C-alpha atoms as a PDB file:
ATOM      1  CA  ALA A   1       0.000   0.000   0.000  1.00  0.00           C
ATOM      2  CA  TYR A   2       2.936   2.361   0.606  1.00  0.00           C
ATOM      3  CA  ASN A   3       5.180   1.442  -2.331  1.00  0.00           C
ATOM      4  CA  PRO A   4       3.948   1.468  -5.934  1.00  0.00           C
ATOM      5  CA  LEU A   5       6.626  -1.132  -6.741  1.00  0.00           C
ATOM      6  CA  GLU A   6       5.135  -3.447  -4.084  1.00  0.00           C
ATOM      7  CA  LYS A   7       8.517  -4.207  -2.529  1.00  0.00           C
ATOM      8  CA  LEU A   8       9.977  -4.057   0.951  1.00  0.00           C
ATOM      9  CA  PRO A   9      11.370  -2.355   2.906  1.00  0.00           C
ATOM     10  CA  VAL A  10       9.177   0.708   3.317  1.00  0.00           C
ATOM     11  CA  LEU A  11       9.567   3.484   5.868  1.00  0.00           C
ATOM     12  CA  VAL A  12       6.049   4.724   6.624  1.00  0.00           C
ATOM     13  CA  LEU A  13       6.048   8.364   7.710  1.00  0.00           C
ATOM     14  CA  PRO A  14       3.611   9.767  10.296  1.00  0.00           C
ATOM     15  CA  ASP A  15       1.673  11.488   7.490  1.00  0.00           C
ATOM     16  CA  GLY A  16       1.171   8.104   5.739  1.00  0.00           C
ATOM     17  CA  ARG A  17       3.678   8.587   2.931  1.00  0.00           C
ATOM     18  CA  GLY A  18       6.015   5.719   2.149  1.00  0.00           C
ATOM     19  CA  ILE A  19       9.759   6.007   1.604  1.00  0.00           C
ATOM     20  CA  TYR A  20      11.042   2.849  -0.070  1.00  0.00           C
ATOM     21  CA  GLU A  21      14.139   0.998  -1.237  1.00  0.00           C
ATOM     22  CA  SER A  22      16.880   0.452   1.301  1.00  0.00           C
ATOM     23  CA  ARG A  23      19.432   2.878  -0.073  1.00  0.00           C
ATOM     24  CA  PHE A  24      16.916   5.666  -0.565  1.00  0.00           C
ATOM     25  CA  ILE A  25      15.497   5.178   2.933  1.00  0.00           C
ATOM     26  CA  LEU A  26      18.999   5.633   4.357  1.00  0.00           C
ATOM     27  CA  GLU A  27      19.674   8.675   2.162  1.00  0.00           C
ATOM     28  CA  TRP A  28      16.327  10.130   3.203  1.00  0.00           C
ATOM     29  CA  LEU A  29      17.088   9.621   6.904  1.00  0.00           C
ATOM     30  CA  ASP A  30      20.535  11.218   6.570  1.00  0.00           C
ATOM     31  CA  ALA A  31      19.126  14.173   4.581  1.00  0.00           C
ATOM     32  CA  LYS A  32      16.147  14.788   6.869  1.00  0.00           C
ATOM     33  CA  HIS A  33      18.072  14.265  10.100  1.00  0.00           C
ATOM     34  CA  PRO A  34      21.508  15.767   9.396  1.00  0.00           C
ATOM     35  CA  ASP A  35      22.572  16.055  13.012  1.00  0.00           C
ATOM     36  CA  PRO A  36      25.198  13.455  13.879  1.00  0.00           C
ATOM     37  CA  PRO A  37      25.390  10.586  13.900  1.00  0.00           C
ATOM     38  CA  LEU A  38      24.789  10.027  10.219  1.00  0.00           C
ATOM     39  CA  LEU A  39      24.354   6.440   9.109  1.00  0.00           C
ATOM     40  CA  ALA A  40      27.254   6.632   6.668  1.00  0.00           C
ATOM     41  CA  PRO A  41      30.607   7.547   8.219  1.00  0.00           C
ATOM     42  CA  ALA A  42      31.956  11.022   7.480  1.00  0.00           C
ATOM     43  CA  GLY A  43      35.421  10.085   6.178  1.00  0.00           C
ATOM     44  CA  THR A  44      35.714   9.133   2.519  1.00  0.00           C
ATOM     45  CA  ASP A  45      37.410   5.765   3.089  1.00  0.00           C
ATOM     46  CA  ASP A  46      34.989   4.758   5.855  1.00  0.00           C
ATOM     47  CA  ALA A  47      31.971   5.952   3.851  1.00  0.00           C
ATOM     48  CA  LEU A  48      33.104   3.877   0.873  1.00  0.00           C
ATOM     49  CA  ALA A  49      33.748   0.843   3.088  1.00  0.00           C
ATOM     50  CA  ALA A  50      30.250   1.173   4.554  1.00  0.00           C
ATOM     51  CA  ARG A  51      28.690   1.432   1.087  1.00  0.00           C
ATOM     52  CA  GLN A  52      30.686  -1.606  -0.026  1.00  0.00           C
ATOM     53  CA  ALA A  53      29.346  -3.572   2.947  1.00  0.00           C
ATOM     54  CA  GLU A  54      25.850  -2.493   1.910  1.00  0.00           C
ATOM     55  CA  VAL A  55      26.444  -3.712  -1.662  1.00  0.00           C
ATOM     56  CA  ILE A  56      27.751  -7.048  -0.369  1.00  0.00           C
ATOM     57  CA  ALA A  57      24.788  -7.506   1.965  1.00  0.00           C
ATOM     58  CA  ASP A  58      22.337  -6.617  -0.820  1.00  0.00           C
ATOM     59  CA  GLY A  59      24.002  -9.131  -3.143  1.00  0.00           C
ATOM     60  CA  VAL A  60      23.852 -11.874  -0.529  1.00  0.00           C
ATOM     61  CA  CYS A  61      20.203 -11.098   0.098  1.00  0.00           C
ATOM     62  CA  ASP A  62      19.448 -11.194  -3.645  1.00  0.00           C
ATOM     63  CA  ALA A  63      21.061 -14.634  -3.919  1.00  0.00           C
ATOM     64  CA  LEU A  64      19.150 -15.850  -0.850  1.00  0.00           C
ATOM     65  CA  VAL A  65      15.827 -14.722  -2.292  1.00  0.00           C
ATOM     66  CA  LEU A  66      16.598 -16.528  -5.552  1.00  0.00           C
ATOM     67  CA  LEU A  67      17.517 -19.677  -3.616  1.00  0.00           C
ATOM     68  CA  PHE A  68      14.383 -19.426  -1.527  1.00  0.00           C
ATOM     69  CA  TRP A  69      12.149 -19.375  -4.604  1.00  0.00           C
ATOM     70  CA  GLU A  70      14.127 -22.061  -6.421  1.00  0.00           C
ATOM     71  CA  ARG A  71      13.716 -24.395  -3.428  1.00  0.00           C
ATOM     72  CA  ARG A  72       9.949 -23.938  -3.662  1.00  0.00           C
ATOM     73  CA  ARG A  73       9.873 -25.351  -7.190  1.00  0.00           C
ATOM     74  CA  PRO A  74       9.269 -29.074  -7.629  1.00  0.00           C
ATOM     75  CA  GLU A  75      12.554 -30.867  -7.029  1.00  0.00           C
ATOM     76  CA  GLU A  76      12.713 -32.252 -10.563  1.00  0.00           C
ATOM     77  CA  HIS A  77      12.643 -28.672 -11.909  1.00  0.00           C
ATOM     78  CA  GLN A  78      15.313 -27.265  -9.614  1.00  0.00           C
ATOM     79  CA  SER A  79      18.698 -26.525 -11.153  1.00  0.00           C
ATOM     80  CA  ALA A  80      21.517 -27.837  -8.958  1.00  0.00           C
ATOM     81  CA  PRO A  81      24.243 -25.874 -10.820  1.00  0.00           C
ATOM     82  CA  TRP A  82      22.237 -22.660 -10.612  1.00  0.00           C
ATOM     83  CA  MET A  83      21.563 -23.188  -6.890  1.00  0.00           C
ATOM     84  CA  ALA A  84      25.259 -23.909  -6.324  1.00  0.00           C
ATOM     85  CA  ARG A  85      26.105 -20.599  -7.999  1.00  0.00           C
ATOM     86  CA  GLN A  86      23.718 -18.721  -5.685  1.00  0.00           C
ATOM     87  CA  ARG A  87      25.216 -20.494  -2.664  1.00  0.00           C
ATOM     88  CA  ARG A  88      28.710 -19.416  -3.798  1.00  0.00           C
ATOM     89  CA  LYS A  89      27.481 -15.818  -3.861  1.00  0.00           C
ATOM     90  CA  VAL A  90      26.075 -16.178  -0.365  1.00  0.00           C
ATOM     91  CA  ASP A  91      29.232 -17.787   0.984  1.00  0.00           C
ATOM     92  CA  GLY A  92      31.514 -15.289  -0.753  1.00  0.00           C
ATOM     93  CA  GLY A  93      29.520 -12.357   0.575  1.00  0.00           C
ATOM     94  CA  LEU A  94      29.506 -13.744   4.099  1.00  0.00           C
ATOM     95  CA  ARG A  95      33.282 -14.224   3.919  1.00  0.00           C
ATOM     96  CA  ALA A  96      33.677 -10.598   2.816  1.00  0.00           C
ATOM     97  CA  LEU A  97      31.473  -9.307   5.643  1.00  0.00           C
ATOM     98  CA  SER A  98      33.356 -11.502   8.102  1.00  0.00           C
ATOM     99  CA  ALA A  99      36.682 -10.113   6.893  1.00  0.00           C
ATOM    100  CA  LEU A 100      35.338  -6.602   7.452  1.00  0.00           C
ATOM    101  CA  ALA A 101      34.212  -7.570  10.960  1.00  0.00           C
ATOM    102  CA  GLU A 102      37.603  -9.140  11.680  1.00  0.00           C
ATOM    103  CA  GLY A 103      39.263  -5.881  10.618  1.00  0.00           C
ATOM    104  CA  GLY A 104      38.877  -4.701  14.169  1.00  0.00           C
ATOM    105  CA  ALA A 105      36.959  -1.422  13.888  1.00  0.00           C
ATOM    106  CA  PRO A 106      36.878   0.262  17.297  1.00  0.00           C
ATOM    107  CA  GLY A 107      33.892  -0.574  19.475  1.00  0.00           C
ATOM    108  CA  GLY A 108      33.032  -3.770  17.612  1.00  0.00           C
ATOM    109  CA  TRP A 109      31.256  -1.969  14.768  1.00  0.00           C
ATOM    110  CA  LEU A 110      32.001  -2.837  11.151  1.00  0.00           C
ATOM    111  CA  VAL A 111      33.126   0.602   9.946  1.00  0.00           C
ATOM    112  CA  GLY A 112      34.078   3.886  11.551  1.00  0.00           C
ATOM    113  CA  GLY A 113      33.989   2.875  15.191  1.00  0.00           C
ATOM    114  CA  ARG A 114      30.236   3.385  15.624  1.00  0.00           C
ATOM    115  CA  PHE A 115      26.912   1.875  14.646  1.00  0.00           C
ATOM    116  CA  GLY A 116      25.977   2.741  11.090  1.00  0.00           C
ATOM    117  CA  LEU A 117      25.077   1.741   7.575  1.00  0.00           C
ATOM    118  CA  ALA A 118      27.398  -1.293   7.372  1.00  0.00           C
ATOM    119  CA  ASP A 119      26.011  -2.723  10.609  1.00  0.00           C
ATOM    120  CA  ILE A 120      22.413  -2.249   9.464  1.00  0.00           C
ATOM    121  CA  ALA A 121      23.137  -3.952   6.134  1.00  0.00           C
ATOM    122  CA  ALA A 122      24.960  -6.884   7.729  1.00  0.00           C
ATOM    123  CA  GLY A 123      22.319  -7.289  10.431  1.00  0.00           C
ATOM    124  CA  ALA A 124      19.509  -7.283   7.872  1.00  0.00           C
ATOM    125  CA  VAL A 125      21.045  -9.968   5.688  1.00  0.00           C
ATOM    126  CA  LEU A 126      21.991 -12.148   8.652  1.00  0.00           C
ATOM    127  CA  GLY A 127      18.482 -11.806  10.058  1.00  0.00           C
ATOM    128  CA  TYR A 128      17.009 -12.830   6.711  1.00  0.00           C
ATOM    129  CA  LEU A 129      19.405 -15.773   6.581  1.00  0.00           C
ATOM    130  CA  ASP A 130      18.188 -16.879  10.028  1.00  0.00           C
ATOM    131  CA  VAL A 131      14.529 -16.669   8.977  1.00  0.00           C
ATOM    132  CA  ARG A 132      14.693 -18.317   5.545  1.00  0.00           C
ATOM    133  CA  PHE A 133      17.763 -20.564   5.894  1.00  0.00           C
ATOM    134  CA  PRO A 134      18.008 -21.496   9.585  1.00  0.00           C
ATOM    135  CA  GLU A 135      20.120 -24.516   8.637  1.00  0.00           C
ATOM    136  CA  HIS A 136      22.940 -22.292   7.349  1.00  0.00           C
ATOM    137  CA  PRO A 137      25.833 -22.447   9.840  1.00  0.00           C
ATOM    138  CA  TRP A 138      26.982 -18.836   9.338  1.00  0.00           C
ATOM    139  CA  ARG A 139      27.616 -18.279  13.051  1.00  0.00           C
ATOM    140  CA  SER A 140      30.110 -21.122  13.288  1.00  0.00           C
ATOM    141  CA  LEU A 141      31.675 -20.392   9.888  1.00  0.00           C
ATOM    142  CA  HIS A 142      31.985 -16.629  10.486  1.00  0.00           C
ATOM    143  CA  PRO A 143      31.910 -15.932  14.245  1.00  0.00           C
ATOM    144  CA  ALA A 144      33.123 -12.331  13.795  1.00  0.00           C
END
Protein backbone atom coordinates (compact mmCIF):
# COMPACT_ATOMS: atom_id res chain seq x y z
CA ALA A 1 0.00 0.00 0.00
CA TYR A 2 2.94 2.36 0.61
CA ASN A 3 5.18 1.44 -2.33
CA PRO A 4 3.95 1.47 -5.93
CA LEU A 5 6.63 -1.13 -6.74
CA GLU A 6 5.14 -3.45 -4.08
CA LYS A 7 8.52 -4.21 -2.53
CA LEU A 8 9.98 -4.06 0.95
CA PRO A 9 11.37 -2.36 2.91
CA VAL A 10 9.18 0.71 3.32
CA LEU A 11 9.57 3.48 5.87
CA VAL A 12 6.05 4.72 6.62
CA LEU A 13 6.05 8.36 7.71
CA PRO A 14 3.61 9.77 10.30
CA ASP A 15 1.67 11.49 7.49
CA GLY A 16 1.17 8.10 5.74
CA ARG A 17 3.68 8.59 2.93
CA GLY A 18 6.01 5.72 2.15
CA ILE A 19 9.76 6.01 1.60
CA TYR A 20 11.04 2.85 -0.07
CA GLU A 21 14.14 1.00 -1.24
CA SER A 22 16.88 0.45 1.30
CA ARG A 23 19.43 2.88 -0.07
CA PHE A 24 16.92 5.67 -0.56
CA ILE A 25 15.50 5.18 2.93
CA LEU A 26 19.00 5.63 4.36
CA GLU A 27 19.67 8.67 2.16
CA TRP A 28 16.33 10.13 3.20
CA LEU A 29 17.09 9.62 6.90
CA ASP A 30 20.54 11.22 6.57
CA ALA A 31 19.13 14.17 4.58
CA LYS A 32 16.15 14.79 6.87
CA HIS A 33 18.07 14.27 10.10
CA PRO A 34 21.51 15.77 9.40
CA ASP A 35 22.57 16.05 13.01
CA PRO A 36 25.20 13.45 13.88
CA PRO A 37 25.39 10.59 13.90
CA LEU A 38 24.79 10.03 10.22
CA LEU A 39 24.35 6.44 9.11
CA ALA A 40 27.25 6.63 6.67
CA PRO A 41 30.61 7.55 8.22
CA ALA A 42 31.96 11.02 7.48
CA GLY A 43 35.42 10.08 6.18
CA THR A 44 35.71 9.13 2.52
CA ASP A 45 37.41 5.77 3.09
CA ASP A 46 34.99 4.76 5.85
CA ALA A 47 31.97 5.95 3.85
CA LEU A 48 33.10 3.88 0.87
CA ALA A 49 33.75 0.84 3.09
CA ALA A 50 30.25 1.17 4.55
CA ARG A 51 28.69 1.43 1.09
CA GLN A 52 30.69 -1.61 -0.03
CA ALA A 53 29.35 -3.57 2.95
CA GLU A 54 25.85 -2.49 1.91
CA VAL A 55 26.44 -3.71 -1.66
CA ILE A 56 27.75 -7.05 -0.37
CA ALA A 57 24.79 -7.51 1.97
CA ASP A 58 22.34 -6.62 -0.82
CA GLY A 59 24.00 -9.13 -3.14
CA VAL A 60 23.85 -11.87 -0.53
CA CYS A 61 20.20 -11.10 0.10
CA ASP A 62 19.45 -11.19 -3.65
CA ALA A 63 21.06 -14.63 -3.92
CA LEU A 64 19.15 -15.85 -0.85
CA VAL A 65 15.83 -14.72 -2.29
CA LEU A 66 16.60 -16.53 -5.55
CA LEU A 67 17.52 -19.68 -3.62
CA PHE A 68 14.38 -19.43 -1.53
CA TRP A 69 12.15 -19.38 -4.60
CA GLU A 70 14.13 -22.06 -6.42
CA ARG A 71 13.72 -24.40 -3.43
CA ARG A 72 9.95 -23.94 -3.66
CA ARG A 73 9.87 -25.35 -7.19
CA PRO A 74 9.27 -29.07 -7.63
CA GLU A 75 12.55 -30.87 -7.03
CA GLU A 76 12.71 -32.25 -10.56
CA HIS A 77 12.64 -28.67 -11.91
CA GLN A 78 15.31 -27.27 -9.61
CA SER A 79 18.70 -26.53 -11.15
CA ALA A 80 21.52 -27.84 -8.96
CA PRO A 81 24.24 -25.87 -10.82
CA TRP A 82 22.24 -22.66 -10.61
CA MET A 83 21.56 -23.19 -6.89
CA ALA A 84 25.26 -23.91 -6.32
CA ARG A 85 26.10 -20.60 -8.00
CA GLN A 86 23.72 -18.72 -5.69
CA ARG A 87 25.22 -20.49 -2.66
CA ARG A 88 28.71 -19.42 -3.80
CA LYS A 89 27.48 -15.82 -3.86
CA VAL A 90 26.07 -16.18 -0.36
CA ASP A 91 29.23 -17.79 0.98
CA GLY A 92 31.51 -15.29 -0.75
CA GLY A 93 29.52 -12.36 0.58
CA LEU A 94 29.51 -13.74 4.10
CA ARG A 95 33.28 -14.22 3.92
CA ALA A 96 33.68 -10.60 2.82
CA LEU A 97 31.47 -9.31 5.64
CA SER A 98 33.36 -11.50 8.10
CA ALA A 99 36.68 -10.11 6.89
CA LEU A 100 35.34 -6.60 7.45
CA ALA A 101 34.21 -7.57 10.96
CA GLU A 102 37.60 -9.14 11.68
CA GLY A 103 39.26 -5.88 10.62
CA GLY A 104 38.88 -4.70 14.17
CA ALA A 105 36.96 -1.42 13.89
CA PRO A 106 36.88 0.26 17.30
CA GLY A 107 33.89 -0.57 19.47
CA GLY A 108 33.03 -3.77 17.61
CA TRP A 109 31.26 -1.97 14.77
CA LEU A 110 32.00 -2.84 11.15
CA VAL A 111 33.13 0.60 9.95
CA GLY A 112 34.08 3.89 11.55
CA GLY A 113 33.99 2.88 15.19
CA ARG A 114 30.24 3.39 15.62
CA PHE A 115 26.91 1.88 14.65
CA GLY A 116 25.98 2.74 11.09
CA LEU A 117 25.08 1.74 7.57
CA ALA A 118 27.40 -1.29 7.37
CA ASP A 119 26.01 -2.72 10.61
CA ILE A 120 22.41 -2.25 9.46
CA ALA A 121 23.14 -3.95 6.13
CA ALA A 122 24.96 -6.88 7.73
CA GLY A 123 22.32 -7.29 10.43
CA ALA A 124 19.51 -7.28 7.87
CA VAL A 125 21.05 -9.97 5.69
CA LEU A 126 21.99 -12.15 8.65
CA GLY A 127 18.48 -11.81 10.06
CA TYR A 128 17.01 -12.83 6.71
CA LEU A 129 19.41 -15.77 6.58
CA ASP A 130 18.19 -16.88 10.03
CA VAL A 131 14.53 -16.67 8.98
CA ARG A 132 14.69 -18.32 5.54
CA PHE A 133 17.76 -20.56 5.89
CA PRO A 134 18.01 -21.50 9.59
CA GLU A 135 20.12 -24.52 8.64
CA HIS A 136 22.94 -22.29 7.35
CA PRO A 137 25.83 -22.45 9.84
CA TRP A 138 26.98 -18.84 9.34
CA ARG A 139 27.62 -18.28 13.05
CA SER A 140 30.11 -21.12 13.29
CA LEU A 141 31.68 -20.39 9.89
CA HIS A 142 31.98 -16.63 10.49
CA PRO A 143 31.91 -15.93 14.24
CA ALA A 144 33.12 -12.33 13.79
